[in-house]
Amino acid sequence: MSAGGQDTIYQMVTDALIAALAKGTVPWHMPWKTDGTGPAYPMRLSSRTAYRGVNVWLLGVQAMAMGYTSPWWGTYDQIAKLCGMVEAPMMRDGKPVLYKTGKLKGKPRMHLVSPDGTDRGVRKGEESTTVILNRRFTWEDKNDLDDKGKPKRKVGYTLRYYQVFNADQAEGMPERYLAPGEPVTDAEPFQGIEAADKLIAGYLANGPQITHSDPRRAFYRSGPDQINVPPDEAFDSPGERYSTWLHEIAHSTGHPDRLNRKGITEFDHFGSGQYAQEELVAEITCAMLCAVTEIDGVFDNSASYIAGWLRKLRGDNKVVVHAAGQAQRAADLVRGITYEDEEGNNE
């Protein structure tokens, strides 16, 4: 895809999130629910795993706007087949429509139909939602040769997008896809505060050191690899305590020995664009970890906060896509899971 096409995808994502912010919804602070009372953490029908990266918020915003409570999303064809639709030849004037070129030349074009005439699949008039996929590819860099004079092979990523529908938009979906949401199932699900303690302890076992040297502030220092947090009694609620810990833990994932993120390794000064990007990465990571541990996190949703991010998004249409990709990697690191595919992620 051309650079212009890539920029179009970035702008599509940014426009969707700007629209949510303009309505007073901070997408990366969404309170994911498992009881059908709010947006459920979005799941793929294709692989029965959770969506990742910025797609979590693209689908969450749409679910909240439209009142969808099912966590399941899929393409038109995926949903059609689950609803019992079958392939049949396309007909015109009583004759099958044939392919005129290519490998299928002379064979009938197929489409999905209801076998008994009842309404099945995505309802007519339903609008799809855009999700993005960051495709991994390798290429030869002719400007960087190895010791044998051959171009080194390098890894790159390119964005693609496609359209999906929620299970609530279809007729005939099996009941199991219409039930309220479930916890994220791409790793062992966590439950409650005890799960958060287990998550944090697992990460800290080979991670940064926790200190309470300044009982009034929370911060991360990359040099000594230390997280400072106030003592537990300084917090007004468990949600505030865990949100603070997870936010600083998110920053620590950027350490040179971990994800080597520029916002940490090349920190310039408070208030800079790079600092703002790192703060967004930490906020999204924290929100992701709160979601999978079912913690009601405490986040800033003030008017001034929203206005600040509206200005940032309007000035740089790549900021949220990049931050969401970095945050997904950070959350994966804290949880101890790895992925080859980077759906919805981009750095």
Foldseek 3Di string as FASTA:
>chain_A
DDPVVQVVVLQVLLVLQLVCLVVLHRLLQDQADQQLPAEHQAAEPVPRAGFAFSQSSQVRSVCRVVVAFFRYKYAQVSQQVLLPWDKDFDDDPRHGDADCDDPRGPPGDIDTDHPVPDFWTFDPPDDWTKFKFWDKDKDFDQVDADPVNGTDIDIDTGMDMDTMDQNVRTPRHPPVRRGGHDFGDPDPFAEAPVSLVVLQCVLVVPAAAEDQPDQPDWAAAQPNRYTHYHDPVVDPDPQAVLLRVQLRLLLRCCHCVHVVDCCHVVPDDPPDPSVVLSSLLSSSLSSVVCRRNVGSHDDDSDPVVSVVVSVVCVVPSCSRLASSQSSRSSNCSSNVHDDPTRTSHDD
